[in-house]
Amino acid sequence: MSQFHLYLISKKIDPSAFEEGDTPLYQEFERAFTHIHPASFTAQKLFLLNKLRRKFLYEKPEILK
């Protein structure tokens, strides 16, 4: 599991549904995430992340360590 995948789960966004539903945006976000700190990524993409959460809500209970 990649860091970006775990990041999306922590933001309650289903990574698989996001990748299938909007592949170009997923790839753009993944590329940007690898180049900047997660906190900066969140600050830059906050409003987009909120829209994605509503569209691709991650509902599976999972404990992240």
PDB file of N, CA and C in Angstrom:
ATOM      1  N   MET A   1       0.853  -1.180   0.000  1.00  0.00           N
ATOM      2  CA  MET A   1       0.000   0.000   0.000  1.00  0.00           C
ATOM      3  C   MET A   1       0.901   1.247   0.000  1.00  0.00           C
ATOM      4  N   SER A   2       0.628   2.166  -0.898  1.00  0.00           N
ATOM      5  CA  SER A   2       1.458   3.364  -1.019  1.00  0.00           C
ATOM      6  C   SER A   2       1.092   4.402   0.045  1.00  0.00           C
ATOM      7  N   GLN A   3       1.985   5.345   0.230  1.00  0.00           N
ATOM      8  CA  GLN A   3       1.736   6.431   1.179  1.00  0.00           C
ATOM      9  C   GLN A   3       0.519   7.251   0.750  1.00  0.00           C
ATOM     10  N   PHE A   4       0.371   7.475  -0.540  1.00  0.00           N
ATOM     11  CA  PHE A   4      -0.765   8.243  -1.030  1.00  0.00           C
ATOM     12  C   PHE A   4      -2.070   7.512  -0.761  1.00  0.00           C
ATOM     13  N   HIS A   5      -2.052   6.207  -0.945  1.00  0.00           N
ATOM     14  CA  HIS A   5      -3.228   5.378  -0.672  1.00  0.00           C
ATOM     15  C   HIS A   5      -3.632   5.513   0.801  1.00  0.00           C
ATOM     16  N   LEU A   6      -2.663   5.417   1.686  1.00  0.00           N
ATOM     17  CA  LEU A   6      -2.929   5.552   3.122  1.00  0.00           C
ATOM     18  C   LEU A   6      -3.393   6.965   3.470  1.00  0.00           C
ATOM     19  N   TYR A   7      -2.809   7.945   2.812  1.00  0.00           N
ATOM     20  CA  TYR A   7      -3.216   9.332   3.030  1.00  0.00           C
ATOM     21  C   TYR A   7      -4.688   9.517   2.685  1.00  0.00           C
ATOM     22  N   LEU A   8      -5.116   8.991   1.523  1.00  0.00           N
ATOM     23  CA  LEU A   8      -6.513   9.116   1.123  1.00  0.00           C
ATOM     24  C   LEU A   8      -7.442   8.444   2.125  1.00  0.00           C
ATOM     25  N   ILE A   9      -7.067   7.282   2.615  1.00  0.00           N
ATOM     26  CA  ILE A   9      -7.880   6.597   3.616  1.00  0.00           C
ATOM     27  C   ILE A   9      -7.972   7.442   4.875  1.00  0.00           C
ATOM     28  N   SER A  10      -6.871   8.067   5.274  1.00  0.00           N
ATOM     29  CA  SER A  10      -6.894   8.912   6.475  1.00  0.00           C
ATOM     30  C   SER A  10      -7.818  10.119   6.301  1.00  0.00           C
ATOM     31  N   LYS A  11      -8.032  10.531   5.045  1.00  0.00           N
ATOM     32  CA  LYS A  11      -8.941  11.640   4.733  1.00  0.00           C
ATOM     33  C   LYS A  11     -10.347  11.146   4.403  1.00  0.00           C
ATOM     34  N   LYS A  12     -10.587   9.849   4.613  1.00  0.00           N
ATOM     35  CA  LYS A  12     -11.878   9.199   4.374  1.00  0.00           C
ATOM     36  C   LYS A  12     -12.301   9.258   2.907  1.00  0.00           C
ATOM     37  N   ILE A  13     -11.302   9.103   2.035  1.00  0.00           N
ATOM     38  CA  ILE A  13     -11.546   9.029   0.597  1.00  0.00           C
ATOM     39  C   ILE A  13     -11.165   7.621   0.145  1.00  0.00           C
ATOM     40  N   ASP A  14     -12.051   6.957  -0.560  1.00  0.00           N
ATOM     41  CA  ASP A  14     -11.794   5.607  -1.048  1.00  0.00           C
ATOM     42  C   ASP A  14     -10.820   5.675  -2.229  1.00  0.00           C
ATOM     43  N   PRO A  15      -9.574   5.214  -2.037  1.00  0.00           N
ATOM     44  CA  PRO A  15      -8.575   5.335  -3.104  1.00  0.00           C
ATOM     45  C   PRO A  15      -8.948   4.573  -4.378  1.00  0.00           C
ATOM     46  N   SER A  16      -9.506   3.389  -4.236  1.00  0.00           N
ATOM     47  CA  SER A  16      -9.861   2.584  -5.408  1.00  0.00           C
ATOM     48  C   SER A  16     -10.979   3.245  -6.217  1.00  0.00           C
ATOM     49  N   ALA A  17     -12.004   3.718  -5.521  1.00  0.00           N
ATOM     50  CA  ALA A  17     -13.116   4.379  -6.207  1.00  0.00           C
ATOM     51  C   ALA A  17     -12.653   5.677  -6.860  1.00  0.00           C
ATOM     52  N   PHE A  18     -11.786   6.412  -6.184  1.00  0.00           N
ATOM     53  CA  PHE A  18     -11.249   7.659  -6.727  1.00  0.00           C
ATOM     54  C   PHE A  18     -10.441   7.375  -7.992  1.00  0.00           C
ATOM     55  N   GLU A  19      -9.576   6.372  -7.943  1.00  0.00           N
ATOM     56  CA  GLU A  19      -8.742   6.049  -9.101  1.00  0.00           C
ATOM     57  C   GLU A  19      -9.595   5.605 -10.292  1.00  0.00           C
ATOM     58  N   GLU A  20     -10.616   4.811 -10.036  1.00  0.00           N
ATOM     59  CA  GLU A  20     -11.490   4.338 -11.114  1.00  0.00           C
ATOM     60  C   GLU A  20     -12.404   5.453 -11.625  1.00  0.00           C
ATOM     61  N   GLY A  21     -12.867   6.316 -10.713  1.00  0.00           N
ATOM     62  CA  GLY A  21     -13.827   7.341 -11.073  1.00  0.00           C
ATOM     63  C   GLY A  21     -13.237   8.552 -11.762  1.00  0.00           C
ATOM     64  N   ASP A  22     -11.975   8.879 -11.440  1.00  0.00           N
ATOM     65  CA  ASP A  22     -11.339  10.057 -12.034  1.00  0.00           C
ATOM     66  C   ASP A  22      -9.830   9.817 -12.114  1.00  0.00           C
ATOM     67  N   THR A  23      -9.446   8.947 -13.021  1.00  0.00           N
ATOM     68  CA  THR A  23      -8.048   8.532 -13.147  1.00  0.00           C
ATOM     69  C   THR A  23      -7.082   9.701 -13.389  1.00  0.00           C
ATOM     70  N   PRO A  24      -7.376  10.629 -14.292  1.00  0.00           N
ATOM     71  CA  PRO A  24      -6.419  11.728 -14.512  1.00  0.00           C
ATOM     72  C   PRO A  24      -6.181  12.568 -13.252  1.00  0.00           C
ATOM     73  N   LEU A  25      -7.231  12.875 -12.513  1.00  0.00           N
ATOM     74  CA  LEU A  25      -7.076  13.658 -11.287  1.00  0.00           C
ATOM     75  C   LEU A  25      -6.322  12.855 -10.231  1.00  0.00           C
ATOM     76  N   TYR A  26      -6.623  11.566 -10.123  1.00  0.00           N
ATOM     77  CA  TYR A  26      -5.918  10.698  -9.176  1.00  0.00           C
ATOM     78  C   TYR A  26      -4.417  10.710  -9.472  1.00  0.00           C
ATOM     79  N   GLN A  27      -4.053  10.547 -10.731  1.00  0.00           N
ATOM     80  CA  GLN A  27      -2.639  10.525 -11.107  1.00  0.00           C
ATOM     81  C   GLN A  27      -1.969  11.870 -10.843  1.00  0.00           C
ATOM     82  N   GLU A  28      -2.675  12.948 -11.120  1.00  0.00           N
ATOM     83  CA  GLU A  28      -2.141  14.291 -10.856  1.00  0.00           C
ATOM     84  C   GLU A  28      -1.896  14.484  -9.361  1.00  0.00           C
ATOM     85  N   PHE A  29      -2.864  14.089  -8.535  1.00  0.00           N
ATOM     86  CA  PHE A  29      -2.730  14.218  -7.083  1.00  0.00           C
ATOM     87  C   PHE A  29      -1.605  13.327  -6.555  1.00  0.00           C
ATOM     88  N   GLU A  30      -1.515  12.112  -7.055  1.00  0.00           N
ATOM     89  CA  GLU A  30      -0.478  11.188  -6.597  1.00  0.00           C
ATOM     90  C   GLU A  30       0.909  11.738  -6.929  1.00  0.00           C
ATOM     91  N   ARG A  31       1.050  12.281  -8.127  1.00  0.00           N
ATOM     92  CA  ARG A  31       2.324  12.865  -8.538  1.00  0.00           C
ATOM     93  C   ARG A  31       2.682  14.060  -7.649  1.00  0.00           C
ATOM     94  N   ALA A  32       1.722  14.923  -7.373  1.00  0.00           N
ATOM     95  CA  ALA A  32       1.967  16.092  -6.523  1.00  0.00           C
ATOM     96  C   ALA A  32       2.291  15.657  -5.097  1.00  0.00           C
ATOM     97  N   PHE A  33       1.594  14.638  -4.612  1.00  0.00           N
ATOM     98  CA  PHE A  33       1.792  14.160  -3.237  1.00  0.00           C
ATOM     99  C   PHE A  33       3.216  13.649  -3.023  1.00  0.00           C
ATOM    100  N   THR A  34       3.808  13.047  -4.057  1.00  0.00           N
ATOM    101  CA  THR A  34       5.167  12.515  -3.909  1.00  0.00           C
ATOM    102  C   THR A  34       6.219  13.620  -3.849  1.00  0.00           C
ATOM    103  N   HIS A  35       5.859  14.823  -4.279  1.00  0.00           N
ATOM    104  CA  HIS A  35       6.845  15.904  -4.328  1.00  0.00           C
ATOM    105  C   HIS A  35       6.742  16.910  -3.187  1.00  0.00           C
ATOM    106  N   ILE A  36       5.649  16.908  -2.452  1.00  0.00           N
ATOM    107  CA  ILE A  36       5.504  17.879  -1.359  1.00  0.00           C
ATOM    108  C   ILE A  36       5.091  17.177  -0.066  1.00  0.00           C
ATOM    109  N   HIS A  37       5.246  17.863   1.032  1.00  0.00           N
ATOM    110  CA  HIS A  37       4.883  17.331   2.351  1.00  0.00           C
ATOM    111  C   HIS A  37       3.366  17.156   2.430  1.00  0.00           C
ATOM    112  N   PRO A  38       2.904  16.089   3.113  1.00  0.00           N
ATOM    113  CA  PRO A  38       1.457  15.860   3.208  1.00  0.00           C
ATOM    114  C   PRO A  38       0.663  17.047   3.767  1.00  0.00           C
ATOM    115  N   ALA A  39       1.232  17.771   4.720  1.00  0.00           N
ATOM    116  CA  ALA A  39       0.524  18.927   5.274  1.00  0.00           C
ATOM    117  C   ALA A  39       0.359  20.022   4.220  1.00  0.00           C
ATOM    118  N   SER A  40       1.385  20.229   3.412  1.00  0.00           N
ATOM    119  CA  SER A  40       1.301  21.220   2.333  1.00  0.00           C
ATOM    120  C   SER A  40       0.301  20.767   1.273  1.00  0.00           C
ATOM    121  N   PHE A  41       0.307  19.487   0.978  1.00  0.00           N
ATOM    122  CA  PHE A  41      -0.638  18.938   0.009  1.00  0.00           C
ATOM    123  C   PHE A  41      -2.063  19.184   0.491  1.00  0.00           C
ATOM    124  N   THR A  42      -2.314  18.905   1.762  1.00  0.00           N
ATOM    125  CA  THR A  42      -3.647  19.114   2.338  1.00  0.00           C
ATOM    126  C   THR A  42      -4.048  20.577   2.251  1.00  0.00           C
ATOM    127  N   ALA A  43      -3.134  21.467   2.593  1.00  0.00           N
ATOM    128  CA  ALA A  43      -3.440  22.899   2.552  1.00  0.00           C
ATOM    129  C   ALA A  43      -3.757  23.356   1.130  1.00  0.00           C
ATOM    130  N   GLN A  44      -3.020  22.847   0.165  1.00  0.00           N
ATOM    131  CA  GLN A  44      -3.221  23.254  -1.230  1.00  0.00           C
ATOM    132  C   GLN A  44      -4.494  22.678  -1.840  1.00  0.00           C
ATOM    133  N   LYS A  45      -4.875  21.483  -1.421  1.00  0.00           N
ATOM    134  CA  LYS A  45      -5.981  20.769  -2.064  1.00  0.00           C
ATOM    135  C   LYS A  45      -7.205  20.624  -1.162  1.00  0.00           C
ATOM    136  N   LEU A  46      -7.289  21.395  -0.094  1.00  0.00           N
ATOM    137  CA  LEU A  46      -8.325  21.212   0.920  1.00  0.00           C
ATOM    138  C   LEU A  46      -9.737  21.187   0.332  1.00  0.00           C
ATOM    139  N   PHE A  47     -10.079  22.163  -0.463  1.00  0.00           N
ATOM    140  CA  PHE A  47     -11.439  22.228  -0.994  1.00  0.00           C
ATOM    141  C   PHE A  47     -11.712  21.082  -1.972  1.00  0.00           C
ATOM    142  N   LEU A  48     -10.709  20.709  -2.736  1.00  0.00           N
ATOM    143  CA  LEU A  48     -10.868  19.578  -3.651  1.00  0.00           C
ATOM    144  C   LEU A  48     -10.996  18.270  -2.883  1.00  0.00           C
ATOM    145  N   LEU A  49     -10.247  18.138  -1.788  1.00  0.00           N
ATOM    146  CA  LEU A  49     -10.341  16.928  -0.969  1.00  0.00           C
ATOM    147  C   LEU A  49     -11.734  16.786  -0.365  1.00  0.00           C
ATOM    148  N   ASN A  50     -12.324  17.885   0.051  1.00  0.00           N
ATOM    149  CA  ASN A  50     -13.676  17.834   0.606  1.00  0.00           C
ATOM    150  C   ASN A  50     -14.683  17.368  -0.443  1.00  0.00           C
ATOM    151  N   LYS A  51     -14.555  17.850  -1.671  1.00  0.00           N
ATOM    152  CA  LYS A  51     -15.442  17.402  -2.752  1.00  0.00           C
ATOM    153  C   LYS A  51     -15.235  15.922  -3.043  1.00  0.00           C
ATOM    154  N   LEU A  52     -13.977  15.505  -3.054  1.00  0.00           N
ATOM    155  CA  LEU A  52     -13.669  14.095  -3.315  1.00  0.00           C
ATOM    156  C   LEU A  52     -14.214  13.197  -2.207  1.00  0.00           C
ATOM    157  N   ARG A  53     -14.150  13.666  -0.973  1.00  0.00           N
ATOM    158  CA  ARG A  53     -14.668  12.883   0.151  1.00  0.00           C
ATOM    159  C   ARG A  53     -16.165  12.644  -0.007  1.00  0.00           C
ATOM    160  N   ARG A  54     -16.885  13.662  -0.451  1.00  0.00           N
ATOM    161  CA  ARG A  54     -18.319  13.498  -0.659  1.00  0.00           C
ATOM    162  C   ARG A  54     -18.614  12.557  -1.826  1.00  0.00           C
ATOM    163  N   LYS A  55     -17.771  12.580  -2.846  1.00  0.00           N
ATOM    164  CA  LYS A  55     -17.998  11.765  -4.031  1.00  0.00           C
ATOM    165  C   LYS A  55     -17.509  10.322  -3.854  1.00  0.00           C
ATOM    166  N   PHE A  56     -16.365  10.136  -3.158  1.00  0.00           N
ATOM    167  CA  PHE A  56     -15.746   8.815  -3.010  1.00  0.00           C
ATOM    168  C   PHE A  56     -15.531   8.493  -1.531  1.00  0.00           C
ATOM    169  N   LEU A  57     -16.574   8.541  -0.748  1.00  0.00           N
ATOM    170  CA  LEU A  57     -16.472   8.322   0.696  1.00  0.00           C
ATOM    171  C   LEU A  57     -15.951   6.928   1.013  1.00  0.00           C
ATOM    172  N   TYR A  58     -14.964   6.883   1.899  1.00  0.00           N
ATOM    173  CA  TYR A  58     -14.403   5.609   2.351  1.00  0.00           C
ATOM    174  C   TYR A  58     -15.166   5.176   3.585  1.00  0.00           C
ATOM    175  N   GLU A  59     -15.921   4.097   3.478  1.00  0.00           N
ATOM    176  CA  GLU A  59     -16.807   3.689   4.559  1.00  0.00           C
ATOM    177  C   GLU A  59     -16.353   2.441   5.289  1.00  0.00           C
ATOM    178  N   LYS A  60     -15.261   1.838   4.849  1.00  0.00           N
ATOM    179  CA  LYS A  60     -14.807   0.597   5.478  1.00  0.00           C
ATOM    180  C   LYS A  60     -14.060   0.935   6.773  1.00  0.00           C
ATOM    181  N   PRO A  61     -14.470   0.357   7.876  1.00  0.00           N
ATOM    182  CA  PRO A  61     -13.734   0.605   9.121  1.00  0.00           C
ATOM    183  C   PRO A  61     -12.368  -0.070   9.064  1.00  0.00           C
ATOM    184  N   GLU A  62     -11.347   0.701   9.263  1.00  0.00           N
ATOM    185  CA  GLU A  62      -9.995   0.153   9.234  1.00  0.00           C
ATOM    186  C   GLU A  62      -9.138   0.943  10.210  1.00  0.00           C
ATOM    187  N   ILE A  63      -8.371   0.243  10.978  1.00  0.00           N
ATOM    188  CA  ILE A  63      -7.487   0.905  11.943  1.00  0.00           C
ATOM    189  C   ILE A  63      -6.129   1.079  11.284  1.00  0.00           C
ATOM    190  N   LEU A  64      -5.676   2.309  11.193  1.00  0.00           N
ATOM    191  CA  LEU A  64      -4.388   2.607  10.608  1.00  0.00           C
ATOM    192  C   LEU A  64      -3.357   2.769  11.714  1.00  0.00           C
ATOM    193  N   LYS A  65      -2.227   2.167  11.505  1.00  0.00           N
ATOM    194  CA  LYS A  65      -1.139   2.294  12.498  1.00  0.00           C
ATOM    195  C   LYS A  65      -0.056   3.158  11.950  1.00  0.00           C
TER     196      LYS A  65
END
